[in-house]
């Protein structure tokens, strides 16, 4: 892993489809709005995009913490764009400020953490768990 600079930024955009809605993703009684876990997915992808240019071959980064608020609804058809900015780097642990907008307003914001992993050793550890 190369040095990841503070303020490195990444984005990720997703057009909201029926399968992304709270009433399909979680419970039919919920309104037809973007589900919070899907908003978090968009934010996590933005964070990964912020640091991808600094990862070496055989490395990736997995999420370890999310602390966000989802404060505005988004219906089907809207594009949600998340932005992530690196605010802290401690070795392989990376902290981000994240936010998401649906083109009309900000719909969520908060913080996110990822840790850079070696894919070979991570997959070996996972295979051990899978064999039990």
C-alpha atoms as a PDB file:
ATOM      1  CA  UNK A   1       0.000   0.000   0.000  1.00  0.00           C
ATOM      2  CA  UNK A   2       1.257   3.408  -0.946  1.00  0.00           C
ATOM      3  CA  UNK A   3       0.740   6.354   1.393  1.00  0.00           C
ATOM      4  CA  UNK A   4      -2.910   7.394   1.295  1.00  0.00           C
ATOM      5  CA  UNK A   5      -3.169  11.188   1.458  1.00  0.00           C
ATOM      6  CA  UNK A   6      -5.627  12.987   3.694  1.00  0.00           C
ATOM      7  CA  UNK A   7      -8.458  14.540   1.681  1.00  0.00           C
ATOM      8  CA  UNK A   8      -8.299  11.858  -1.046  1.00  0.00           C
ATOM      9  CA  UNK A   9     -11.833  11.674  -2.428  1.00  0.00           C
ATOM     10  CA  UNK A  10     -13.977   9.102  -4.155  1.00  0.00           C
ATOM     11  CA  UNK A  11     -17.532   8.912  -5.441  1.00  0.00           C
ATOM     12  CA  UNK A  12     -20.030   6.229  -6.336  1.00  0.00           C
ATOM     13  CA  UNK A  13     -23.409   6.644  -8.033  1.00  0.00           C
ATOM     14  CA  UNK A  14     -26.402   4.320  -8.163  1.00  0.00           C
ATOM     15  CA  UNK A  15     -29.794   4.816  -9.816  1.00  0.00           C
ATOM     16  CA  UNK A  16     -32.469   3.670  -7.365  1.00  0.00           C
ATOM     17  CA  UNK A  17     -34.316   0.579  -8.621  1.00  0.00           C
ATOM     18  CA  UNK A  18     -37.275  -1.268  -7.041  1.00  0.00           C
ATOM     19  CA  UNK A  19     -34.923  -3.830  -5.460  1.00  0.00           C
ATOM     20  CA  UNK A  20     -33.190  -1.006  -3.536  1.00  0.00           C
ATOM     21  CA  UNK A  21     -36.364   0.096  -1.736  1.00  0.00           C
ATOM     22  CA  UNK A  22     -37.040  -0.441   1.952  1.00  0.00           C
ATOM     23  CA  UNK A  23     -40.359  -2.187   1.237  1.00  0.00           C
ATOM     24  CA  UNK A  24     -38.634  -4.803  -0.968  1.00  0.00           C
ATOM     25  CA  UNK A  25     -35.297  -5.023   0.777  1.00  0.00           C
ATOM     26  CA  UNK A  26     -36.644  -5.328   4.334  1.00  0.00           C
ATOM     27  CA  UNK A  27     -40.402  -5.321   5.032  1.00  0.00           C
ATOM     28  CA  UNK A  28     -43.395  -4.845   2.717  1.00  0.00           C
ATOM     29  CA  UNK A  29     -45.050  -2.445   5.185  1.00  0.00           C
ATOM     30  CA  UNK A  30     -42.259   0.120   4.736  1.00  0.00           C
ATOM     31  CA  UNK A  31     -42.598   3.025   2.261  1.00  0.00           C
ATOM     32  CA  UNK A  32     -41.215   2.873  -1.265  1.00  0.00           C
ATOM     33  CA  UNK A  33     -37.969   4.723  -0.497  1.00  0.00           C
ATOM     34  CA  UNK A  34     -34.264   3.916  -0.703  1.00  0.00           C
ATOM     35  CA  UNK A  35     -33.319   1.476   2.075  1.00  0.00           C
ATOM     36  CA  UNK A  36     -30.701   2.693   4.538  1.00  0.00           C
ATOM     37  CA  UNK A  37     -28.438  -0.365   4.010  1.00  0.00           C
ATOM     38  CA  UNK A  38     -28.333   0.452   0.291  1.00  0.00           C
ATOM     39  CA  UNK A  39     -27.361   4.069   1.026  1.00  0.00           C
ATOM     40  CA  UNK A  40     -24.556   2.704   3.220  1.00  0.00           C
ATOM     41  CA  UNK A  41     -23.450   0.424   0.363  1.00  0.00           C
ATOM     42  CA  UNK A  42     -23.174   3.467  -1.920  1.00  0.00           C
ATOM     43  CA  UNK A  43     -21.124   5.313   0.721  1.00  0.00           C
ATOM     44  CA  UNK A  44     -18.818   2.315   1.252  1.00  0.00           C
ATOM     45  CA  UNK A  45     -18.199   2.054  -2.493  1.00  0.00           C
ATOM     46  CA  UNK A  46     -17.315   5.764  -2.606  1.00  0.00           C
ATOM     47  CA  UNK A  47     -14.803   5.208   0.215  1.00  0.00           C
ATOM     48  CA  UNK A  48     -13.220   2.262  -1.576  1.00  0.00           C
ATOM     49  CA  UNK A  49     -12.979   4.347  -4.763  1.00  0.00           C
ATOM     50  CA  UNK A  50     -11.150   7.067  -2.798  1.00  0.00           C
ATOM     51  CA  UNK A  51      -8.302   4.723  -1.887  1.00  0.00           C
ATOM     52  CA  UNK A  52      -8.187   2.269  -4.826  1.00  0.00           C
ATOM     53  CA  UNK A  53      -5.427   4.248  -6.609  1.00  0.00           C
ATOM     54  CA  UNK A  54      -3.164   3.743  -3.568  1.00  0.00           C
ATOM     55  CA  UNK A  55      -3.656  -0.019  -3.160  1.00  0.00           C
ATOM     56  CA  UNK A  56      -1.017  -2.428  -4.414  1.00  0.00           C
ATOM     57  CA  UNK A  57      -1.779  -5.556  -6.444  1.00  0.00           C
ATOM     58  CA  UNK A  58      -3.290  -8.187  -4.156  1.00  0.00           C
ATOM     59  CA  UNK A  59      -4.716  -5.616  -1.737  1.00  0.00           C
ATOM     60  CA  UNK A  60      -8.244  -4.442  -1.067  1.00  0.00           C
ATOM     61  CA  UNK A  61     -10.009  -2.754   1.839  1.00  0.00           C
ATOM     62  CA  UNK A  62     -12.972  -3.957   3.861  1.00  0.00           C
ATOM     63  CA  UNK A  63     -15.367  -1.949   5.975  1.00  0.00           C
ATOM     64  CA  UNK A  64     -14.993  -2.134   9.745  1.00  0.00           C
ATOM     65  CA  UNK A  65     -17.312   0.617  11.035  1.00  0.00           C
ATOM     66  CA  UNK A  66     -20.185   2.791   9.847  1.00  0.00           C
ATOM     67  CA  UNK A  67     -21.815   5.675  11.718  1.00  0.00           C
ATOM     68  CA  UNK A  68     -24.264   7.483   9.445  1.00  0.00           C
ATOM     69  CA  UNK A  69     -27.616   9.186   9.560  1.00  0.00           C
ATOM     70  CA  UNK A  70     -30.222   8.752   6.809  1.00  0.00           C
ATOM     71  CA  UNK A  71     -32.407  11.842   6.960  1.00  0.00           C
ATOM     72  CA  UNK A  72     -34.267  12.221   3.648  1.00  0.00           C
ATOM     73  CA  UNK A  73     -36.266   9.784   1.482  1.00  0.00           C
ATOM     74  CA  UNK A  74     -35.384   8.957  -2.122  1.00  0.00           C
ATOM     75  CA  UNK A  75     -37.853   7.342  -4.570  1.00  0.00           C
ATOM     76  CA  UNK A  76     -37.208   4.984  -7.494  1.00  0.00           C
ATOM     77  CA  UNK A  77     -35.494   6.524 -10.497  1.00  0.00           C
ATOM     78  CA  UNK A  78     -33.354   9.069  -8.686  1.00  0.00           C
ATOM     79  CA  UNK A  79     -29.586   8.846  -8.876  1.00  0.00           C
ATOM     80  CA  UNK A  80     -27.879   8.747  -5.519  1.00  0.00           C
ATOM     81  CA  UNK A  81     -24.279   9.925  -5.472  1.00  0.00           C
ATOM     82  CA  UNK A  82     -22.092   9.347  -2.441  1.00  0.00           C
ATOM     83  CA  UNK A  83     -18.827  11.126  -1.718  1.00  0.00           C
ATOM     84  CA  UNK A  84     -16.125   9.923   0.643  1.00  0.00           C
ATOM     85  CA  UNK A  85     -13.116  11.883   1.851  1.00  0.00           C
ATOM     86  CA  UNK A  86     -10.152  10.428   3.743  1.00  0.00           C
ATOM     87  CA  UNK A  87      -9.912  12.188   7.114  1.00  0.00           C
ATOM     88  CA  UNK A  88      -7.633   9.838   9.041  1.00  0.00           C
ATOM     89  CA  UNK A  89      -4.919   7.287   8.220  1.00  0.00           C
ATOM     90  CA  UNK A  90      -3.434   5.092  10.954  1.00  0.00           C
ATOM     91  CA  UNK A  91      -1.347   2.405   9.306  1.00  0.00           C
ATOM     92  CA  UNK A  92      -3.812   0.229   7.404  1.00  0.00           C
ATOM     93  CA  UNK A  93      -6.891   1.792   9.076  1.00  0.00           C
ATOM     94  CA  UNK A  94      -8.525   4.540   7.028  1.00  0.00           C
ATOM     95  CA  UNK A  95     -11.222   6.927   8.287  1.00  0.00           C
ATOM     96  CA  UNK A  96     -13.653   8.696   5.979  1.00  0.00           C
ATOM     97  CA  UNK A  97     -16.241  11.444   6.080  1.00  0.00           C
ATOM     98  CA  UNK A  98     -19.141  10.267   3.877  1.00  0.00           C
ATOM     99  CA  UNK A  99     -22.264  11.873   2.458  1.00  0.00           C
ATOM    100  CA  UNK A 100     -24.952  11.040  -0.086  1.00  0.00           C
ATOM    101  CA  UNK A 101     -27.266  13.168  -2.223  1.00  0.00           C
ATOM    102  CA  UNK A 102     -30.163  12.291  -4.521  1.00  0.00           C
ATOM    103  CA  UNK A 103     -29.763  15.305  -6.807  1.00  0.00           C
ATOM    104  CA  UNK A 104     -32.386  17.285  -4.900  1.00  0.00           C
ATOM    105  CA  UNK A 105     -30.918  17.256  -1.390  1.00  0.00           C
ATOM    106  CA  UNK A 106     -28.398  15.621   0.894  1.00  0.00           C
ATOM    107  CA  UNK A 107     -29.969  12.376   2.134  1.00  0.00           C
ATOM    108  CA  UNK A 108     -27.331  11.116   4.546  1.00  0.00           C
ATOM    109  CA  UNK A 109     -23.936  11.714   6.106  1.00  0.00           C
ATOM    110  CA  UNK A 110     -21.535  10.387   8.703  1.00  0.00           C
ATOM    111  CA  UNK A 111     -18.286   8.494   9.084  1.00  0.00           C
ATOM    112  CA  UNK A 112     -16.904   5.195   7.842  1.00  0.00           C
ATOM    113  CA  UNK A 113     -13.766   3.147   8.475  1.00  0.00           C
ATOM    114  CA  UNK A 114     -11.991   0.611   6.302  1.00  0.00           C
ATOM    115  CA  UNK A 115      -8.890  -1.488   6.764  1.00  0.00           C
ATOM    116  CA  UNK A 116      -6.486  -2.434   3.978  1.00  0.00           C
ATOM    117  CA  UNK A 117      -6.112  -6.203   3.652  1.00  0.00           C
ATOM    118  CA  UNK A 118      -3.867  -8.643   1.828  1.00  0.00           C
ATOM    119  CA  UNK A 119      -6.329 -10.668  -0.267  1.00  0.00           C
ATOM    120  CA  UNK A 120      -4.275 -13.880  -0.162  1.00  0.00           C
ATOM    121  CA  UNK A 121      -4.093 -14.064   3.645  1.00  0.00           C
ATOM    122  CA  UNK A 122      -7.673 -12.817   4.037  1.00  0.00           C
ATOM    123  CA  UNK A 123      -8.997 -15.503   1.685  1.00  0.00           C
ATOM    124  CA  UNK A 124      -6.901 -18.172   3.461  1.00  0.00           C
ATOM    125  CA  UNK A 125      -8.440 -17.127   6.793  1.00  0.00           C
ATOM    126  CA  UNK A 126     -11.901 -17.203   5.239  1.00  0.00           C
ATOM    127  CA  UNK A 127     -11.314 -20.685   3.775  1.00  0.00           C
ATOM    128  CA  UNK A 128     -10.461 -21.973   7.271  1.00  0.00           C
ATOM    129  CA  UNK A 129     -13.801 -20.703   8.547  1.00  0.00           C
ATOM    130  CA  UNK A 130     -15.670 -22.149   5.572  1.00  0.00           C
ATOM    131  CA  UNK A 131     -14.277 -25.632   6.179  1.00  0.00           C
ATOM    132  CA  UNK A 132     -15.825 -25.831   9.695  1.00  0.00           C
END
